[in-house]
């Protein structure tokens, strides 16, 4: 069995864009889905807190460095550009994402 690394992050959605954020993920581009899978992402979920606009993104990957390489792909950069108007982003249009430290896990 391959070890999987669990990644969790908090991101921030603009208060007037919660429904649009959900819609865009319900209609995620097939090439974006393919890129996520090609970079090892599995068991990927995003949860939205409509009280404060925070999301919790959780996914599992076999290799963190291989997954992080998705940031250099054309499709990922297009996705960031597409999402930039509705969420808090960095100057390169990547989402502001705070990594969370795992403090408990139960299999």
N, C-alpha and C. Protein backbone atom coordinates (compact mmCIF):
# COMPACT_ATOMS: atom_id res chain seq x y z
N UNK A 1 0.84 -1.19 0.00
CA UNK A 1 0.00 0.00 0.00
C UNK A 1 0.89 1.26 0.00
N UNK A 2 0.53 2.23 -0.79
CA UNK A 2 1.28 3.47 -0.89
C UNK A 2 0.86 4.42 0.21
N UNK A 3 1.84 5.06 0.84
CA UNK A 3 1.51 6.09 1.83
C UNK A 3 0.90 7.27 1.10
N UNK A 4 -0.12 7.84 1.71
CA UNK A 4 -0.75 9.04 1.17
C UNK A 4 -0.52 10.17 2.15
N UNK A 5 -0.30 11.33 1.61
CA UNK A 5 -0.15 12.54 2.42
C UNK A 5 -1.48 13.29 2.38
N UNK A 6 -1.96 13.69 3.53
CA UNK A 6 -3.20 14.44 3.62
C UNK A 6 -2.86 15.93 3.66
N UNK A 7 -3.53 16.69 2.80
CA UNK A 7 -3.33 18.14 2.72
C UNK A 7 -4.64 18.82 3.06
N UNK A 8 -4.59 19.82 3.92
CA UNK A 8 -5.77 20.63 4.23
C UNK A 8 -5.37 22.10 4.21
N UNK A 9 -6.24 22.90 3.62
CA UNK A 9 -5.98 24.33 3.50
C UNK A 9 -7.27 25.11 3.70
N UNK A 10 -7.13 26.33 4.17
CA UNK A 10 -8.24 27.27 4.25
C UNK A 10 -8.02 28.31 3.16
N UNK A 11 -9.09 28.60 2.41
CA UNK A 11 -9.07 29.68 1.41
C UNK A 11 -10.25 30.60 1.72
N UNK A 12 -10.35 31.70 1.00
CA UNK A 12 -11.30 32.75 1.37
C UNK A 12 -12.10 33.22 0.15
N UNK A 13 -13.41 33.07 0.22
CA UNK A 13 -14.31 33.43 -0.88
C UNK A 13 -14.95 34.78 -0.57
N UNK A 14 -15.10 35.61 -1.61
CA UNK A 14 -15.76 36.90 -1.43
C UNK A 14 -17.21 36.69 -0.98
N UNK A 15 -17.70 37.50 -0.07
CA UNK A 15 -19.04 37.29 0.51
C UNK A 15 -20.18 37.24 -0.51
N UNK A 16 -20.07 37.93 -1.62
CA UNK A 16 -21.15 37.93 -2.61
C UNK A 16 -20.98 36.82 -3.66
N UNK A 17 -20.03 35.91 -3.46
CA UNK A 17 -19.70 34.94 -4.50
C UNK A 17 -19.84 33.48 -4.07
N UNK A 18 -20.49 33.21 -2.95
CA UNK A 18 -20.59 31.83 -2.47
C UNK A 18 -21.27 30.92 -3.49
N UNK A 19 -22.40 31.37 -4.04
CA UNK A 19 -23.12 30.53 -5.00
C UNK A 19 -22.31 30.36 -6.28
N UNK A 20 -21.65 31.42 -6.73
CA UNK A 20 -20.83 31.33 -7.94
C UNK A 20 -19.65 30.38 -7.72
N UNK A 21 -19.04 30.43 -6.55
CA UNK A 21 -17.93 29.54 -6.23
C UNK A 21 -18.39 28.08 -6.32
N UNK A 22 -19.53 27.79 -5.71
CA UNK A 22 -20.07 26.43 -5.75
C UNK A 22 -20.40 26.02 -7.19
N UNK A 23 -20.99 26.93 -7.95
CA UNK A 23 -21.36 26.64 -9.35
C UNK A 23 -20.12 26.32 -10.18
N UNK A 24 -19.07 27.11 -10.02
CA UNK A 24 -17.86 26.88 -10.81
C UNK A 24 -17.22 25.53 -10.48
N UNK A 25 -17.31 25.12 -9.25
CA UNK A 25 -16.76 23.80 -8.90
C UNK A 25 -17.68 22.67 -9.34
N UNK A 26 -18.96 22.91 -9.36
CA UNK A 26 -19.89 21.89 -9.88
C UNK A 26 -19.67 21.66 -11.38
N UNK A 27 -19.15 22.69 -12.04
CA UNK A 27 -18.91 22.64 -13.49
C UNK A 27 -17.41 22.69 -13.81
N UNK A 28 -16.60 22.14 -12.91
CA UNK A 28 -15.14 22.20 -13.10
C UNK A 28 -14.78 21.66 -14.48
N UNK A 29 -13.84 22.32 -15.11
CA UNK A 29 -13.42 21.93 -16.45
C UNK A 29 -12.84 20.51 -16.45
N UNK A 30 -13.19 19.72 -17.44
CA UNK A 30 -12.63 18.37 -17.52
C UNK A 30 -11.09 18.37 -17.52
N UNK A 31 -10.47 19.34 -18.19
CA UNK A 31 -9.01 19.37 -18.23
C UNK A 31 -8.41 19.75 -16.88
N UNK A 32 -9.16 20.47 -16.04
CA UNK A 32 -8.68 20.77 -14.69
C UNK A 32 -8.77 19.52 -13.83
N UNK A 33 -9.88 18.80 -13.96
CA UNK A 33 -10.02 17.52 -13.24
C UNK A 33 -8.89 16.56 -13.63
N UNK A 34 -8.63 16.48 -14.92
CA UNK A 34 -7.58 15.58 -15.41
C UNK A 34 -6.22 15.98 -14.86
N UNK A 35 -5.94 17.28 -14.79
CA UNK A 35 -4.66 17.75 -14.25
C UNK A 35 -4.53 17.41 -12.77
N UNK A 36 -5.60 17.58 -12.02
CA UNK A 36 -5.56 17.22 -10.60
C UNK A 36 -5.22 15.74 -10.43
N UNK A 37 -5.91 14.90 -11.19
CA UNK A 37 -5.65 13.45 -11.10
C UNK A 37 -4.24 13.10 -11.57
N UNK A 38 -3.80 13.76 -12.65
CA UNK A 38 -2.45 13.50 -13.18
C UNK A 38 -1.37 13.88 -12.18
N UNK A 39 -1.67 14.83 -11.31
CA UNK A 39 -0.70 15.27 -10.30
C UNK A 39 -0.93 14.56 -8.95
N UNK A 40 -1.76 13.52 -8.96
CA UNK A 40 -1.89 12.65 -7.80
C UNK A 40 -3.01 12.95 -6.84
N UNK A 41 -3.84 13.95 -7.10
CA UNK A 41 -4.91 14.30 -6.16
C UNK A 41 -6.00 13.23 -6.14
N UNK A 42 -6.33 12.80 -4.94
CA UNK A 42 -7.45 11.88 -4.73
C UNK A 42 -8.21 12.33 -3.49
N UNK A 43 -9.41 11.82 -3.36
CA UNK A 43 -10.22 12.09 -2.17
C UNK A 43 -10.28 13.59 -1.88
N UNK A 44 -10.50 14.40 -2.92
CA UNK A 44 -10.45 15.85 -2.84
C UNK A 44 -11.85 16.39 -2.54
N UNK A 45 -11.98 17.14 -1.48
CA UNK A 45 -13.24 17.79 -1.11
C UNK A 45 -12.97 19.23 -0.73
N UNK A 46 -13.95 20.09 -1.00
CA UNK A 46 -13.90 21.47 -0.55
C UNK A 46 -15.22 21.75 0.18
N UNK A 47 -15.11 22.33 1.36
CA UNK A 47 -16.27 22.71 2.16
C UNK A 47 -16.30 24.22 2.30
N UNK A 48 -17.48 24.82 2.21
CA UNK A 48 -17.63 26.26 2.32
C UNK A 48 -18.39 26.62 3.58
N UNK A 49 -17.83 27.53 4.36
CA UNK A 49 -18.51 28.08 5.53
C UNK A 49 -19.19 29.37 5.08
N UNK A 50 -20.50 29.35 4.91
CA UNK A 50 -21.24 30.52 4.42
C UNK A 50 -21.36 31.62 5.49
N UNK A 51 -20.94 31.34 6.70
CA UNK A 51 -20.95 32.37 7.74
C UNK A 51 -19.80 33.35 7.59
N UNK A 52 -18.65 32.85 7.06
CA UNK A 52 -17.48 33.73 7.00
C UNK A 52 -16.70 33.66 5.68
N UNK A 53 -17.14 32.84 4.73
CA UNK A 53 -16.48 32.76 3.43
C UNK A 53 -15.24 31.90 3.38
N UNK A 54 -14.92 31.24 4.47
CA UNK A 54 -13.76 30.35 4.45
C UNK A 54 -14.13 29.02 3.81
N UNK A 55 -13.18 28.47 3.08
CA UNK A 55 -13.33 27.10 2.60
C UNK A 55 -12.30 26.24 3.31
N UNK A 56 -12.62 24.98 3.43
CA UNK A 56 -11.67 23.97 3.88
C UNK A 56 -11.50 23.02 2.71
N UNK A 57 -10.30 22.99 2.15
CA UNK A 57 -9.98 22.07 1.07
C UNK A 57 -9.17 20.93 1.67
N UNK A 58 -9.57 19.70 1.32
CA UNK A 58 -8.88 18.51 1.81
C UNK A 58 -8.64 17.58 0.63
N UNK A 59 -7.41 17.07 0.54
CA UNK A 59 -7.11 16.07 -0.49
C UNK A 59 -5.98 15.18 -0.02
N UNK A 60 -5.81 14.09 -0.73
CA UNK A 60 -4.74 13.14 -0.44
C UNK A 60 -3.90 12.98 -1.70
N UNK A 61 -2.58 12.90 -1.49
CA UNK A 61 -1.64 12.74 -2.61
C UNK A 61 -0.55 11.76 -2.21
N UNK A 62 0.00 11.02 -3.18
CA UNK A 62 1.11 10.12 -2.87
C UNK A 62 2.45 10.85 -2.79
N UNK A 63 2.53 12.04 -3.42
CA UNK A 63 3.79 12.79 -3.49
C UNK A 63 3.46 14.28 -3.49
N UNK A 64 3.80 14.97 -2.43
CA UNK A 64 3.46 16.38 -2.28
C UNK A 64 4.15 17.24 -3.35
N UNK A 65 5.41 16.99 -3.62
CA UNK A 65 6.13 17.77 -4.62
C UNK A 65 5.51 17.59 -6.01
N UNK A 66 5.15 16.37 -6.35
CA UNK A 66 4.51 16.11 -7.65
C UNK A 66 3.17 16.83 -7.73
N UNK A 67 2.42 16.83 -6.64
CA UNK A 67 1.15 17.55 -6.63
C UNK A 67 1.38 19.06 -6.78
N UNK A 68 2.33 19.60 -6.05
CA UNK A 68 2.59 21.04 -6.09
C UNK A 68 2.99 21.52 -7.48
N UNK A 69 3.52 20.63 -8.31
CA UNK A 69 3.92 20.99 -9.67
C UNK A 69 2.73 21.39 -10.54
N UNK A 70 1.52 21.08 -10.10
CA UNK A 70 0.33 21.49 -10.86
C UNK A 70 0.27 23.00 -11.02
N UNK A 71 0.86 23.74 -10.07
CA UNK A 71 0.84 25.20 -10.11
C UNK A 71 1.54 25.76 -11.35
N UNK A 72 2.39 24.97 -11.97
CA UNK A 72 3.13 25.42 -13.15
C UNK A 72 2.41 25.09 -14.46
N UNK A 73 1.27 24.42 -14.38
CA UNK A 73 0.57 24.03 -15.61
C UNK A 73 -0.28 25.17 -16.14
N UNK A 74 -0.47 25.16 -17.44
CA UNK A 74 -1.29 26.18 -18.10
C UNK A 74 -2.73 26.13 -17.61
N UNK A 75 -3.29 24.93 -17.45
CA UNK A 75 -4.69 24.82 -17.04
C UNK A 75 -4.90 25.33 -15.62
N UNK A 76 -3.95 25.09 -14.75
CA UNK A 76 -4.07 25.58 -13.37
C UNK A 76 -4.02 27.10 -13.35
N UNK A 77 -3.14 27.69 -14.13
CA UNK A 77 -3.05 29.15 -14.18
C UNK A 77 -4.33 29.76 -14.77
N UNK A 78 -4.92 29.09 -15.76
CA UNK A 78 -6.21 29.56 -16.31
C UNK A 78 -7.31 29.46 -15.26
N UNK A 79 -7.30 28.36 -14.48
CA UNK A 79 -8.30 28.18 -13.42
C UNK A 79 -8.16 29.28 -12.37
N UNK A 80 -6.94 29.56 -11.97
CA UNK A 80 -6.72 30.64 -11.00
C UNK A 80 -7.26 31.96 -11.54
N UNK A 81 -6.98 32.25 -12.81
CA UNK A 81 -7.47 33.49 -13.41
C UNK A 81 -9.00 33.53 -13.41
N UNK A 82 -9.62 32.40 -13.71
CA UNK A 82 -11.08 32.27 -13.72
C UNK A 82 -11.65 32.49 -12.32
N UNK A 83 -10.98 32.03 -11.29
CA UNK A 83 -11.48 32.11 -9.92
C UNK A 83 -11.10 33.43 -9.23
N UNK A 84 -10.11 34.12 -9.73
CA UNK A 84 -9.59 35.33 -9.07
C UNK A 84 -10.66 36.37 -8.71
N UNK A 85 -11.66 36.62 -9.57
CA UNK A 85 -12.63 37.66 -9.21
C UNK A 85 -13.51 37.32 -8.01
N UNK A 86 -13.56 36.06 -7.62
CA UNK A 86 -14.51 35.68 -6.57
C UNK A 86 -13.86 35.22 -5.27
N UNK A 87 -12.53 35.33 -5.20
CA UNK A 87 -11.87 34.89 -3.97
C UNK A 87 -10.61 35.72 -3.69
N UNK A 88 -10.13 35.61 -2.48
CA UNK A 88 -8.89 36.29 -2.09
C UNK A 88 -7.73 35.59 -2.77
N UNK A 89 -6.90 36.38 -3.48
CA UNK A 89 -5.80 35.79 -4.25
C UNK A 89 -4.49 36.55 -4.02
N UNK A 90 -3.42 35.89 -4.41
CA UNK A 90 -2.08 36.46 -4.39
C UNK A 90 -1.85 37.23 -5.70
N UNK A 91 -0.76 38.00 -5.78
CA UNK A 91 -0.48 38.75 -7.02
C UNK A 91 -0.42 37.88 -8.29
N UNK A 92 -0.04 36.61 -8.17
CA UNK A 92 0.01 35.73 -9.35
C UNK A 92 -1.34 35.06 -9.63
N UNK A 93 -2.39 35.49 -8.95
CA UNK A 93 -3.76 35.01 -9.06
C UNK A 93 -3.99 33.66 -8.39
N UNK A 94 -2.97 33.07 -7.79
CA UNK A 94 -3.19 31.85 -7.01
C UNK A 94 -4.03 32.20 -5.78
N UNK A 95 -4.84 31.27 -5.31
CA UNK A 95 -5.64 31.58 -4.14
C UNK A 95 -4.77 31.73 -2.89
N UNK A 96 -5.14 32.67 -2.05
CA UNK A 96 -4.52 32.74 -0.73
C UNK A 96 -4.96 31.47 -0.02
N UNK A 97 -4.01 30.67 0.40
CA UNK A 97 -4.31 29.38 1.02
C UNK A 97 -3.44 29.21 2.26
N UNK A 98 -4.08 29.05 3.37
CA UNK A 98 -3.36 28.81 4.62
C UNK A 98 -3.32 27.30 4.86
N UNK A 99 -2.11 26.75 4.91
CA UNK A 99 -1.95 25.33 5.18
C UNK A 99 -2.32 25.04 6.64
N UNK A 100 -3.02 23.94 6.84
CA UNK A 100 -3.40 23.53 8.18
C UNK A 100 -2.52 22.38 8.63
N UNK A 101 -2.17 22.39 9.88
CA UNK A 101 -1.36 21.32 10.48
C UNK A 101 -2.29 20.24 11.02
N UNK A 102 -2.04 19.01 10.63
CA UNK A 102 -2.84 17.91 11.16
C UNK A 102 -2.44 17.65 12.61
N UNK A 103 -3.42 17.65 13.49
CA UNK A 103 -3.15 17.37 14.90
C UNK A 103 -3.85 16.11 15.38
N UNK A 104 -4.72 15.54 14.55
CA UNK A 104 -5.38 14.30 14.91
C UNK A 104 -5.88 13.62 13.64
N UNK A 105 -5.77 12.28 13.62
CA UNK A 105 -6.29 11.48 12.51
C UNK A 105 -6.72 10.14 13.06
N UNK A 106 -7.87 9.67 12.61
CA UNK A 106 -8.39 8.35 13.00
C UNK A 106 -8.71 7.59 11.73
N UNK A 107 -8.06 6.47 11.51
CA UNK A 107 -8.41 5.59 10.37
C UNK A 107 -9.63 4.78 10.70
